[in-house]
């Protein structure tokens, strides 16, 4: 095998490694988006369901639903923000 053929094989191997690393990174970010979606959606939905139940039981219209919806948005987005910030800090360390 000549040095040119060896270099070409090395380049192909390196290109394949980069391609695999890129796919893994894309899947990792796709997973991150899924986690973030659930982190935001669950508190919001919990606030809505709990608020509707309280409003129905107490006859208060939509007062608890709106209040707990806002609380769910704040908690969900705040939790997602902290999680992303921690993940970014962890990536900087490595």
Foldseek 3Di string as FASTA:
>chain_A
DDPVVVVVVVVVVVVVVVVVVVVVVVVVVVVLVVVLVCLLPVQLVVQQVVQVVVCVVVVPPRVSNVVSNVVSNCRSVVVSVVVVVVVVVVVVVD
